[in-house]
Amino acid sequence: MAEGGRDHPVQMVALCPNCHAMKERGSKRHALQAILREVAADAHRRWNGSPS
């Protein structure tokens, strides 16, 4: 949302409190955020029956 995205379940990944803190404030947060974006996109493609 901070970068103009939607607040929609297809763009969400459930995280435990520790992982959420790492995603927001960890020293490798940018790499983790990129991984999580790809995980969410892949799950969305599979949910919609699209090829990866």
N, C-alpha and C. Protein backbone atom coordinates (compact mmCIF):
# COMPACT_ATOMS: atom_id res chain seq x y z
N MET A 1 0.83 -1.19 0.00
CA MET A 1 0.00 0.00 0.00
C MET A 1 0.87 1.26 0.00
N ALA A 2 1.99 1.17 0.70
CA ALA A 2 2.86 2.35 0.79
C ALA A 2 3.38 2.76 -0.58
N GLU A 3 3.45 1.79 -1.50
CA GLU A 3 3.95 2.08 -2.84
C GLU A 3 2.82 2.12 -3.87
N GLY A 4 1.59 2.34 -3.40
CA GLY A 4 0.47 2.48 -4.31
C GLY A 4 -0.29 1.20 -4.60
N GLY A 5 0.05 0.11 -3.90
CA GLY A 5 -0.65 -1.16 -4.12
C GLY A 5 -1.99 -1.20 -3.43
N ARG A 6 -2.75 -2.25 -3.78
CA ARG A 6 -4.06 -2.41 -3.19
C ARG A 6 -3.96 -3.13 -1.84
N ASP A 7 -4.95 -2.92 -0.99
CA ASP A 7 -5.09 -3.66 0.26
C ASP A 7 -6.09 -4.77 -0.04
N HIS A 8 -5.58 -5.87 -0.62
CA HIS A 8 -6.45 -6.94 -1.09
C HIS A 8 -5.82 -8.28 -0.74
N PRO A 9 -6.62 -9.28 -0.37
CA PRO A 9 -6.05 -10.58 0.03
C PRO A 9 -5.12 -11.23 -0.99
N VAL A 10 -5.30 -10.98 -2.27
CA VAL A 10 -4.41 -11.60 -3.26
C VAL A 10 -2.98 -11.09 -3.15
N GLN A 11 -2.79 -10.01 -2.42
CA GLN A 11 -1.46 -9.45 -2.27
C GLN A 11 -0.93 -9.62 -0.85
N MET A 12 -1.51 -10.54 -0.09
CA MET A 12 -1.11 -10.71 1.30
C MET A 12 -0.43 -12.05 1.52
N VAL A 13 0.50 -12.05 2.44
CA VAL A 13 1.16 -13.26 2.89
C VAL A 13 1.10 -13.23 4.42
N ALA A 14 0.61 -14.30 5.03
CA ALA A 14 0.54 -14.36 6.49
C ALA A 14 1.94 -14.55 7.07
N LEU A 15 2.28 -13.73 8.04
CA LEU A 15 3.59 -13.80 8.68
C LEU A 15 3.42 -13.84 10.20
N CYS A 16 4.30 -14.60 10.86
CA CYS A 16 4.32 -14.57 12.32
C CYS A 16 4.90 -13.21 12.74
N PRO A 17 4.75 -12.84 14.01
CA PRO A 17 5.27 -11.54 14.46
C PRO A 17 6.77 -11.36 14.21
N ASN A 18 7.55 -12.41 14.39
CA ASN A 18 9.00 -12.27 14.17
C ASN A 18 9.32 -12.01 12.70
N CYS A 19 8.68 -12.76 11.81
CA CYS A 19 8.93 -12.55 10.38
C CYS A 19 8.43 -11.19 9.92
N HIS A 20 7.32 -10.75 10.48
CA HIS A 20 6.80 -9.41 10.12
C HIS A 20 7.81 -8.34 10.54
N ALA A 21 8.38 -8.49 11.72
CA ALA A 21 9.38 -7.52 12.18
C ALA A 21 10.60 -7.54 11.27
N MET A 22 11.03 -8.73 10.85
CA MET A 22 12.17 -8.82 9.93
C MET A 22 11.84 -8.16 8.60
N LYS A 23 10.60 -8.34 8.12
CA LYS A 23 10.19 -7.74 6.85
C LYS A 23 10.18 -6.22 6.93
N GLU A 24 9.82 -5.69 8.08
CA GLU A 24 9.71 -4.24 8.24
C GLU A 24 11.01 -3.57 8.67
N ARG A 25 11.79 -4.24 9.53
CA ARG A 25 12.94 -3.57 10.12
C ARG A 25 14.25 -4.34 10.04
N GLY A 26 14.23 -5.54 9.48
CA GLY A 26 15.44 -6.36 9.42
C GLY A 26 16.49 -5.80 8.48
N SER A 27 17.73 -6.20 8.72
CA SER A 27 18.83 -5.70 7.88
C SER A 27 18.72 -6.20 6.44
N LYS A 28 18.03 -7.30 6.22
CA LYS A 28 17.85 -7.86 4.87
C LYS A 28 16.39 -7.73 4.42
N ARG A 29 15.71 -6.71 4.93
CA ARG A 29 14.27 -6.55 4.65
C ARG A 29 13.96 -6.38 3.17
N HIS A 30 14.83 -5.73 2.41
CA HIS A 30 14.55 -5.51 0.99
C HIS A 30 14.55 -6.84 0.24
N ALA A 31 15.48 -7.71 0.56
CA ALA A 31 15.52 -9.03 -0.08
C ALA A 31 14.30 -9.86 0.34
N LEU A 32 13.95 -9.81 1.61
CA LEU A 32 12.79 -10.56 2.10
C LEU A 32 11.50 -10.03 1.46
N GLN A 33 11.37 -8.73 1.32
CA GLN A 33 10.18 -8.15 0.70
C GLN A 33 10.05 -8.62 -0.74
N ALA A 34 11.15 -8.69 -1.46
CA ALA A 34 11.12 -9.15 -2.86
C ALA A 34 10.69 -10.62 -2.93
N ILE A 35 11.20 -11.44 -2.03
CA ILE A 35 10.81 -12.85 -1.99
C ILE A 35 9.33 -12.98 -1.69
N LEU A 36 8.84 -12.23 -0.72
CA LEU A 36 7.43 -12.31 -0.35
C LEU A 36 6.52 -11.84 -1.48
N ARG A 37 6.95 -10.82 -2.22
CA ARG A 37 6.15 -10.37 -3.37
C ARG A 37 6.03 -11.48 -4.40
N GLU A 38 7.12 -12.20 -4.64
CA GLU A 38 7.09 -13.30 -5.62
C GLU A 38 6.24 -14.46 -5.11
N VAL A 39 6.33 -14.76 -3.83
CA VAL A 39 5.51 -15.83 -3.24
C VAL A 39 4.02 -15.49 -3.41
N ALA A 40 3.65 -14.24 -3.11
CA ALA A 40 2.26 -13.83 -3.24
C ALA A 40 1.81 -13.88 -4.70
N ALA A 41 2.66 -13.42 -5.62
CA ALA A 41 2.31 -13.43 -7.04
C ALA A 41 2.15 -14.86 -7.54
N ASP A 42 3.03 -15.76 -7.13
CA ASP A 42 2.95 -17.15 -7.55
C ASP A 42 1.67 -17.80 -7.01
N ALA A 43 1.35 -17.55 -5.76
CA ALA A 43 0.12 -18.11 -5.17
C ALA A 43 -1.10 -17.57 -5.91
N HIS A 44 -1.08 -16.33 -6.28
CA HIS A 44 -2.20 -15.72 -7.00
C HIS A 44 -2.35 -16.36 -8.39
N ARG A 45 -1.23 -16.58 -9.06
CA ARG A 45 -1.29 -17.23 -10.39
C ARG A 45 -1.86 -18.65 -10.27
N ARG A 46 -1.41 -19.39 -9.25
CA ARG A 46 -1.91 -20.76 -9.07
C ARG A 46 -3.40 -20.74 -8.73
N TRP A 47 -3.81 -19.81 -7.89
CA TRP A 47 -5.21 -19.71 -7.48
C TRP A 47 -6.11 -19.45 -8.69
N ASN A 48 -5.62 -18.64 -9.62
CA ASN A 48 -6.39 -18.30 -10.80
C ASN A 48 -6.19 -19.28 -11.95
N GLY A 49 -5.40 -20.32 -11.74
CA GLY A 49 -5.19 -21.33 -12.77
C GLY A 49 -4.27 -20.89 -13.89
N SER A 50 -3.51 -19.83 -13.68
CA SER A 50 -2.57 -19.35 -14.70
C SER A 50 -1.27 -20.12 -14.59
N PRO A 51 -0.60 -20.36 -15.69
CA PRO A 51 0.72 -21.01 -15.61
C PRO A 51 1.74 -20.10 -14.93
N SER A 52 2.73 -20.69 -14.29
CA SER A 52 3.74 -19.88 -13.59
C SER A 52 4.68 -19.20 -14.54
